[in-house]
Amino acid sequence: MKQPLTIIALLVVLCGSFYLLRANPRTAPAPQTWEYKVLVKKCNDEKNLNALGAEGWELATYSTWALSAGSVDTCVFKRPK
């Protein structure tokens, strides 16, 4: 007689836990959004870079473009919106 009661109790517990899981679904966090800033020819100025860092900007990419008259540095910064 104990075995059927144990099985019924387990079924009740399982059904209750499924109900709780469905009643309180977990939602994914909102994706991070970014804003960007592009600087051309001002990437090697330490004072300017420190000021951007103090404003929360982080260097995302750096590239040098070779031109006939010399080269151009390009920096792309990002920070959370």
PDB file of N, CA and C in Angstrom:
ATOM      1  N   MET A   1       0.818  -1.196   0.000  1.00  0.00           N
ATOM      2  CA  MET A   1       0.000   0.000   0.000  1.00  0.00           C
ATOM      3  C   MET A   1       0.864   1.263   0.000  1.00  0.00           C
ATOM      4  N   LYS A   2       2.075   1.179   0.549  1.00  0.00           N
ATOM      5  CA  LYS A   2       2.947   2.346   0.594  1.00  0.00           C
ATOM      6  C   LYS A   2       3.440   2.741  -0.791  1.00  0.00           C
ATOM      7  N   GLN A   3       3.674   1.771  -1.651  1.00  0.00           N
ATOM      8  CA  GLN A   3       4.238   2.063  -2.962  1.00  0.00           C
ATOM      9  C   GLN A   3       3.323   2.928  -3.825  1.00  0.00           C
ATOM     10  N   PRO A   4       2.031   2.673  -3.945  1.00  0.00           N
ATOM     11  CA  PRO A   4       1.184   3.555  -4.750  1.00  0.00           C
ATOM     12  C   PRO A   4       1.129   4.984  -4.191  1.00  0.00           C
ATOM     13  N   LEU A   5       1.152   5.132  -2.882  1.00  0.00           N
ATOM     14  CA  LEU A   5       1.140   6.471  -2.294  1.00  0.00           C
ATOM     15  C   LEU A   5       2.435   7.217  -2.602  1.00  0.00           C
ATOM     16  N   THR A   6       3.548   6.506  -2.598  1.00  0.00           N
ATOM     17  CA  THR A   6       4.833   7.122  -2.930  1.00  0.00           C
ATOM     18  C   THR A   6       4.840   7.588  -4.381  1.00  0.00           C
ATOM     19  N   ILE A   7       4.312   6.783  -5.273  1.00  0.00           N
ATOM     20  CA  ILE A   7       4.259   7.134  -6.689  1.00  0.00           C
ATOM     21  C   ILE A   7       3.351   8.340  -6.893  1.00  0.00           C
ATOM     22  N   ILE A   8       2.207   8.363  -6.226  1.00  0.00           N
ATOM     23  CA  ILE A   8       1.287   9.498  -6.343  1.00  0.00           C
ATOM     24  C   ILE A   8       1.947  10.764  -5.804  1.00  0.00           C
ATOM     25  N   ALA A   9       2.652  10.669  -4.683  1.00  0.00           N
ATOM     26  CA  ALA A   9       3.333  11.828  -4.110  1.00  0.00           C
ATOM     27  C   ALA A   9       4.398  12.361  -5.067  1.00  0.00           C
ATOM     28  N   LEU A  10       5.157  11.472  -5.694  1.00  0.00           N
ATOM     29  CA  LEU A  10       6.174  11.898  -6.661  1.00  0.00           C
ATOM     30  C   LEU A  10       5.551  12.581  -7.869  1.00  0.00           C
ATOM     31  N   LEU A  11       4.424  12.061  -8.341  1.00  0.00           N
ATOM     32  CA  LEU A  11       3.743  12.689  -9.477  1.00  0.00           C
ATOM     33  C   LEU A  11       3.245  14.084  -9.118  1.00  0.00           C
ATOM     34  N   VAL A  12       2.735  14.239  -7.907  1.00  0.00           N
ATOM     35  CA  VAL A  12       2.263  15.554  -7.467  1.00  0.00           C
ATOM     36  C   VAL A  12       3.430  16.536  -7.406  1.00  0.00           C
ATOM     37  N   VAL A  13       4.568  16.106  -6.886  1.00  0.00           N
ATOM     38  CA  VAL A  13       5.740  16.975  -6.792  1.00  0.00           C
ATOM     39  C   VAL A  13       6.240  17.357  -8.181  1.00  0.00           C
ATOM     40  N   LEU A  14       6.303  16.396  -9.096  1.00  0.00           N
ATOM     41  CA  LEU A  14       6.751  16.684 -10.458  1.00  0.00           C
ATOM     42  C   LEU A  14       5.804  17.653 -11.170  1.00  0.00           C
ATOM     43  N   CYS A  15       4.514  17.441 -11.052  1.00  0.00           N
ATOM     44  CA  CYS A  15       3.553  18.340 -11.691  1.00  0.00           C
ATOM     45  C   CYS A  15       3.660  19.749 -11.109  1.00  0.00           C
ATOM     46  N   GLY A  16       3.841  19.842  -9.808  1.00  0.00           N
ATOM     47  CA  GLY A  16       3.987  21.154  -9.175  1.00  0.00           C
ATOM     48  C   GLY A  16       5.229  21.874  -9.640  1.00  0.00           C
ATOM     49  N   SER A  17       6.334  21.154  -9.779  1.00  0.00           N
ATOM     50  CA  SER A  17       7.566  21.803 -10.227  1.00  0.00           C
ATOM     51  C   SER A  17       7.472  22.229 -11.691  1.00  0.00           C
ATOM     52  N   PHE A  18       6.816  21.445 -12.542  1.00  0.00           N
ATOM     53  CA  PHE A  18       6.619  21.869 -13.932  1.00  0.00           C
ATOM     54  C   PHE A  18       5.760  23.121 -13.996  1.00  0.00           C
ATOM     55  N   TYR A  19       4.735  23.198 -13.147  1.00  0.00           N
ATOM     56  CA  TYR A  19       3.881  24.384 -13.114  1.00  0.00           C
ATOM     57  C   TYR A  19       4.679  25.615 -12.700  1.00  0.00           C
ATOM     58  N   LEU A  20       5.523  25.481 -11.690  1.00  0.00           N
ATOM     59  CA  LEU A  20       6.324  26.610 -11.232  1.00  0.00           C
ATOM     60  C   LEU A  20       7.314  27.064 -12.297  1.00  0.00           C
ATOM     61  N   LEU A  21       7.911  26.122 -13.019  1.00  0.00           N
ATOM     62  CA  LEU A  21       8.852  26.487 -14.079  1.00  0.00           C
ATOM     63  C   LEU A  21       8.152  27.230 -15.208  1.00  0.00           C
ATOM     64  N   ARG A  22       6.952  26.818 -15.563  1.00  0.00           N
ATOM     65  CA  ARG A  22       6.220  27.483 -16.636  1.00  0.00           C
ATOM     66  C   ARG A  22       5.658  28.822 -16.189  1.00  0.00           C
ATOM     67  N   ALA A  23       5.314  28.958 -14.915  1.00  0.00           N
ATOM     68  CA  ALA A  23       4.716  30.189 -14.417  1.00  0.00           C
ATOM     69  C   ALA A  23       5.738  31.306 -14.267  1.00  0.00           C
ATOM     70  N   ASN A  24       7.009  30.951 -14.143  1.00  0.00           N
ATOM     71  CA  ASN A  24       8.054  31.950 -13.920  1.00  0.00           C
ATOM     72  C   ASN A  24       9.197  31.727 -14.914  1.00  0.00           C
ATOM     73  N   PRO A  25       8.962  31.996 -16.211  1.00  0.00           N
ATOM     74  CA  PRO A  25      10.035  31.734 -17.192  1.00  0.00           C
ATOM     75  C   PRO A  25      11.174  32.743 -17.035  1.00  0.00           C
ATOM     76  N   ARG A  26      12.358  32.287 -17.321  1.00  0.00           N
ATOM     77  CA  ARG A  26      13.528  33.162 -17.279  1.00  0.00           C
ATOM     78  C   ARG A  26      13.661  33.872 -18.612  1.00  0.00           C
ATOM     79  N   THR A  27      13.837  35.161 -18.545  1.00  0.00           N
ATOM     80  CA  THR A  27      13.995  35.929 -19.776  1.00  0.00           C
ATOM     81  C   THR A  27      15.468  36.275 -19.965  1.00  0.00           C
ATOM     82  N   ALA A  28      15.879  36.325 -21.192  1.00  0.00           N
ATOM     83  CA  ALA A  28      17.268  36.664 -21.509  1.00  0.00           C
ATOM     84  C   ALA A  28      17.485  38.156 -21.260  1.00  0.00           C
ATOM     85  N   PRO A  29      18.677  38.527 -20.799  1.00  0.00           N
ATOM     86  CA  PRO A  29      18.943  39.956 -20.592  1.00  0.00           C
ATOM     87  C   PRO A  29      18.969  40.691 -21.931  1.00  0.00           C
ATOM     88  N   ALA A  30      18.667  41.969 -21.880  1.00  0.00           N
ATOM     89  CA  ALA A  30      18.674  42.784 -23.090  1.00  0.00           C
ATOM     90  C   ALA A  30      20.099  42.871 -23.643  1.00  0.00           C
ATOM     91  N   PRO A  31      20.265  42.827 -24.959  1.00  0.00           N
ATOM     92  CA  PRO A  31      21.616  42.914 -25.522  1.00  0.00           C
ATOM     93  C   PRO A  31      22.239  44.293 -25.268  1.00  0.00           C
ATOM     94  N   GLN A  32      23.541  44.291 -25.102  1.00  0.00           N
ATOM     95  CA  GLN A  32      24.278  45.541 -24.869  1.00  0.00           C
ATOM     96  C   GLN A  32      24.292  46.368 -26.154  1.00  0.00           C
ATOM     97  N   THR A  33      23.997  47.644 -26.038  1.00  0.00           N
ATOM     98  CA  THR A  33      24.090  48.541 -27.183  1.00  0.00           C
ATOM     99  C   THR A  33      25.301  49.449 -26.995  1.00  0.00           C
ATOM    100  N   TRP A  34      25.893  49.852 -28.103  1.00  0.00           N
ATOM    101  CA  TRP A  34      27.133  50.626 -28.071  1.00  0.00           C
ATOM    102  C   TRP A  34      26.970  51.903 -28.873  1.00  0.00           C
ATOM    103  N   GLU A  35      27.768  52.895 -28.537  1.00  0.00           N
ATOM    104  CA  GLU A  35      27.928  54.065 -29.394  1.00  0.00           C
ATOM    105  C   GLU A  35      29.401  54.124 -29.798  1.00  0.00           C
ATOM    106  N   TYR A  36      29.664  54.687 -30.959  1.00  0.00           N
ATOM    107  CA  TYR A  36      31.009  54.671 -31.525  1.00  0.00           C
ATOM    108  C   TYR A  36      31.498  56.081 -31.833  1.00  0.00           C
ATOM    109  N   LYS A  37      32.819  56.231 -31.809  1.00  0.00           N
ATOM    110  CA  LYS A  37      33.472  57.491 -32.165  1.00  0.00           C
ATOM    111  C   LYS A  37      34.673  57.142 -33.027  1.00  0.00           C
ATOM    112  N   VAL A  38      34.839  57.841 -34.141  1.00  0.00           N
ATOM    113  CA  VAL A  38      35.957  57.607 -35.052  1.00  0.00           C
ATOM    114  C   VAL A  38      36.853  58.840 -35.047  1.00  0.00           C
ATOM    115  N   LEU A  39      38.139  58.632 -34.812  1.00  0.00           N
ATOM    116  CA  LEU A  39      39.126  59.708 -34.870  1.00  0.00           C
ATOM    117  C   LEU A  39      40.118  59.420 -35.984  1.00  0.00           C
ATOM    118  N   VAL A  40      40.431  60.452 -36.742  1.00  0.00           N
ATOM    119  CA  VAL A  40      41.407  60.332 -37.818  1.00  0.00           C
ATOM    120  C   VAL A  40      42.529  61.315 -37.526  1.00  0.00           C
ATOM    121  N   LYS A  41      43.769  60.828 -37.519  1.00  0.00           N
ATOM    122  CA  LYS A  41      44.983  61.620 -37.302  1.00  0.00           C
ATOM    123  C   LYS A  41      45.138  62.168 -35.887  1.00  0.00           C
ATOM    124  N   LYS A  42      44.369  61.690 -34.918  1.00  0.00           N
ATOM    125  CA  LYS A  42      44.528  62.142 -33.546  1.00  0.00           C
ATOM    126  C   LYS A  42      44.740  60.963 -32.599  1.00  0.00           C
ATOM    127  N   CYS A  43      45.161  59.836 -33.126  1.00  0.00           N
ATOM    128  CA  CYS A  43      45.243  58.616 -32.327  1.00  0.00           C
ATOM    129  C   CYS A  43      46.495  58.529 -31.462  1.00  0.00           C
ATOM    130  N   ASN A  44      47.524  59.277 -31.777  1.00  0.00           N
ATOM    131  CA  ASN A  44      48.777  59.121 -31.039  1.00  0.00           C
ATOM    132  C   ASN A  44      48.978  60.203 -29.984  1.00  0.00           C
ATOM    133  N   ASP A  45      47.959  60.985 -29.687  1.00  0.00           N
ATOM    134  CA  ASP A  45      48.047  62.033 -28.689  1.00  0.00           C
ATOM    135  C   ASP A  45      47.633  61.460 -27.329  1.00  0.00           C
ATOM    136  N   GLU A  46      48.603  61.281 -26.438  1.00  0.00           N
ATOM    137  CA  GLU A  46      48.342  60.640 -25.141  1.00  0.00           C
ATOM    138  C   GLU A  46      47.324  61.419 -24.307  1.00  0.00           C
ATOM    139  N   LYS A  47      47.396  62.725 -24.353  1.00  0.00           N
ATOM    140  CA  LYS A  47      46.463  63.562 -23.589  1.00  0.00           C
ATOM    141  C   LYS A  47      45.032  63.342 -24.088  1.00  0.00           C
ATOM    142  N   ASN A  48      44.862  63.312 -25.403  1.00  0.00           N
ATOM    143  CA  ASN A  48      43.545  63.087 -26.006  1.00  0.00           C
ATOM    144  C   ASN A  48      43.022  61.684 -25.663  1.00  0.00           C
ATOM    145  N   LEU A  49      43.896  60.671 -25.726  1.00  0.00           N
ATOM    146  CA  LEU A  49      43.478  59.305 -25.404  1.00  0.00           C
ATOM    147  C   LEU A  49      43.063  59.171 -23.946  1.00  0.00           C
ATOM    148  N   ASN A  50      43.797  59.817 -23.032  1.00  0.00           N
ATOM    149  CA  ASN A  50      43.437  59.774 -21.618  1.00  0.00           C
ATOM    150  C   ASN A  50      42.096  60.460 -21.368  1.00  0.00           C
ATOM    151  N   ALA A  51      41.840  61.549 -22.074  1.00  0.00           N
ATOM    152  CA  ALA A  51      40.558  62.240 -21.929  1.00  0.00           C
ATOM    153  C   ALA A  51      39.402  61.356 -22.416  1.00  0.00           C
ATOM    154  N   LEU A  52      39.611  60.660 -23.531  1.00  0.00           N
ATOM    155  CA  LEU A  52      38.577  59.755 -24.042  1.00  0.00           C
ATOM    156  C   LEU A  52      38.333  58.604 -23.071  1.00  0.00           C
ATOM    157  N   GLY A  53      39.406  58.074 -22.498  1.00  0.00           N
ATOM    158  CA  GLY A  53      39.256  56.999 -21.511  1.00  0.00           C
ATOM    159  C   GLY A  53      38.492  57.456 -20.289  1.00  0.00           C
ATOM    160  N   ALA A  54      38.728  58.691 -19.854  1.00  0.00           N
ATOM    161  CA  ALA A  54      38.005  59.235 -18.705  1.00  0.00           C
ATOM    162  C   ALA A  54      36.515  59.396 -19.007  1.00  0.00           C
ATOM    163  N   GLU A  55      36.161  59.568 -20.281  1.00  0.00           N
ATOM    164  CA  GLU A  55      34.760  59.678 -20.689  1.00  0.00           C
ATOM    165  C   GLU A  55      34.122  58.312 -20.919  1.00  0.00           C
ATOM    166  N   GLY A  56      34.875  57.240 -20.722  1.00  0.00           N
ATOM    167  CA  GLY A  56      34.323  55.893 -20.872  1.00  0.00           C
ATOM    168  C   GLY A  56      34.541  55.258 -22.228  1.00  0.00           C
ATOM    169  N   TRP A  57      35.301  55.913 -23.122  1.00  0.00           N
ATOM    170  CA  TRP A  57      35.556  55.350 -24.451  1.00  0.00           C
ATOM    171  C   TRP A  57      36.649  54.296 -24.367  1.00  0.00           C
ATOM    172  N   GLU A  58      36.482  53.234 -25.119  1.00  0.00           N
ATOM    173  CA  GLU A  58      37.450  52.133 -25.192  1.00  0.00           C
ATOM    174  C   GLU A  58      37.863  51.946 -26.647  1.00  0.00           C
ATOM    175  N   LEU A  59      39.164  51.788 -26.876  1.00  0.00           N
ATOM    176  CA  LEU A  59      39.661  51.604 -28.244  1.00  0.00           C
ATOM    177  C   LEU A  59      39.209  50.253 -28.777  1.00  0.00           C
ATOM    178  N   ALA A  60      38.493  50.271 -29.899  1.00  0.00           N
ATOM    179  CA  ALA A  60      38.006  49.035 -30.509  1.00  0.00           C
ATOM    180  C   ALA A  60      38.928  48.590 -31.641  1.00  0.00           C
ATOM    181  N   THR A  61      39.320  49.523 -32.524  1.00  0.00           N
ATOM    182  CA  THR A  61      40.234  49.182 -33.624  1.00  0.00           C
ATOM    183  C   THR A  61      41.159  50.359 -33.902  1.00  0.00           C
ATOM    184  N   TYR A  62      42.301  50.011 -34.449  1.00  0.00           N
ATOM    185  CA  TYR A  62      43.288  51.005 -34.875  1.00  0.00           C
ATOM    186  C   TYR A  62      43.824  50.570 -36.230  1.00  0.00           C
ATOM    187  N   SER A  63      43.920  51.496 -37.151  1.00  0.00           N
ATOM    188  CA  SER A  63      44.496  51.158 -38.454  1.00  0.00           C
ATOM    189  C   SER A  63      45.253  52.354 -39.004  1.00  0.00           C
ATOM    190  N   THR A  64      46.240  52.049 -39.841  1.00  0.00           N
ATOM    191  CA  THR A  64      47.027  53.075 -40.533  1.00  0.00           C
ATOM    192  C   THR A  64      46.799  52.903 -42.028  1.00  0.00           C
ATOM    193  N   TRP A  65      46.449  53.999 -42.675  1.00  0.00           N
ATOM    194  CA  TRP A  65      46.197  53.986 -44.104  1.00  0.00           C
ATOM    195  C   TRP A  65      47.344  54.710 -44.805  1.00  0.00           C
ATOM    196  N   ALA A  66      47.993  54.020 -45.713  1.00  0.00           N
ATOM    197  CA  ALA A  66      49.092  54.625 -46.465  1.00  0.00           C
ATOM    198  C   ALA A  66      48.528  55.416 -47.640  1.00  0.00           C
ATOM    199  N   LEU A  67      48.929  56.680 -47.697  1.00  0.00           N
ATOM    200  CA  LEU A  67      48.509  57.554 -48.792  1.00  0.00           C
ATOM    201  C   LEU A  67      49.742  58.081 -49.505  1.00  0.00           C
ATOM    202  N   SER A  68      49.542  58.660 -50.652  1.00  0.00           N
ATOM    203  CA  SER A  68      50.684  59.186 -51.398  1.00  0.00           C
ATOM    204  C   SER A  68      51.354  60.338 -50.648  1.00  0.00           C
ATOM    205  N   ALA A  69      50.595  61.078 -49.855  1.00  0.00           N
ATOM    206  CA  ALA A  69      51.153  62.210 -49.111  1.00  0.00           C
ATOM    207  C   ALA A  69      51.584  61.818 -47.692  1.00  0.00           C
ATOM    208  N   GLY A  70      51.573  60.557 -47.375  1.00  0.00           N
ATOM    209  CA  GLY A  70      51.940  60.107 -46.026  1.00  0.00           C
ATOM    210  C   GLY A  70      50.994  59.014 -45.564  1.00  0.00           C
ATOM    211  N   SER A  71      50.718  58.979 -44.281  1.00  0.00           N
ATOM    212  CA  SER A  71      49.793  57.978 -43.760  1.00  0.00           C
ATOM    213  C   SER A  71      48.783  58.643 -42.823  1.00  0.00           C
ATOM    214  N   VAL A  72      47.665  57.979 -42.654  1.00  0.00           N
ATOM    215  CA  VAL A  72      46.595  58.483 -41.798  1.00  0.00           C
ATOM    216  C   VAL A  72      46.266  57.406 -40.777  1.00  0.00           C
ATOM    217  N   ASP A  73      46.266  57.798 -39.516  1.00  0.00           N
ATOM    218  CA  ASP A  73      45.859  56.875 -38.453  1.00  0.00           C
ATOM    219  C   ASP A  73      44.356  57.019 -38.225  1.00  0.00           C
ATOM    220  N   THR A  74      43.685  55.897 -38.037  1.00  0.00           N
ATOM    221  CA  THR A  74      42.259  55.896 -37.752  1.00  0.00           C
ATOM    222  C   THR A  74      42.009  55.043 -36.523  1.00  0.00           C
ATOM    223  N   CYS A  75      41.312  55.628 -35.545  1.00  0.00           N
ATOM    224  CA  CYS A  75      40.952  54.913 -34.324  1.00  0.00           C
ATOM    225  C   CYS A  75      39.436  54.890 -34.205  1.00  0.00           C
ATOM    226  N   VAL A  76      38.904  53.726 -33.848  1.00  0.00           N
ATOM    227  CA  VAL A  76      37.469  53.595 -33.595  1.00  0.00           C
ATOM    228  C   VAL A  76      37.314  53.244 -32.117  1.00  0.00           C
ATOM    229  N   PHE A  77      36.552  54.052 -31.407  1.00  0.00           N
ATOM    230  CA  PHE A  77      36.290  53.848 -29.983  1.00  0.00           C
ATOM    231  C   PHE A  77      34.836  53.451 -29.796  1.00  0.00           C
ATOM    232  N   LYS A  78      34.565  52.739 -28.708  1.00  0.00           N
ATOM    233  CA  LYS A  78      33.190  52.370 -28.388  1.00  0.00           C
ATOM    234  C   LYS A  78      32.989  52.521 -26.880  1.00  0.00           C
ATOM    235  N   ARG A  79      31.707  52.711 -26.497  1.00  0.00           N
ATOM    236  CA  ARG A  79      31.327  52.711 -25.080  1.00  0.00           C
ATOM    237  C   ARG A  79      29.855  52.323 -24.989  1.00  0.00           C
ATOM    238  N   PRO A  80      29.471  51.759 -23.869  1.00  0.00           N
ATOM    239  CA  PRO A  80      28.062  51.361 -23.721  1.00  0.00           C
ATOM    240  C   PRO A  80      27.144  52.575 -23.762  1.00  0.00           C
ATOM    241  N   LYS A  81      25.987  52.395 -24.371  1.00  0.00           N
ATOM    242  CA  LYS A  81      24.995  53.485 -24.418  1.00  0.00           C
ATOM    243  C   LYS A  81      24.278  53.559 -23.100  1.00  0.00           C
TER     244      LYS A  81
END
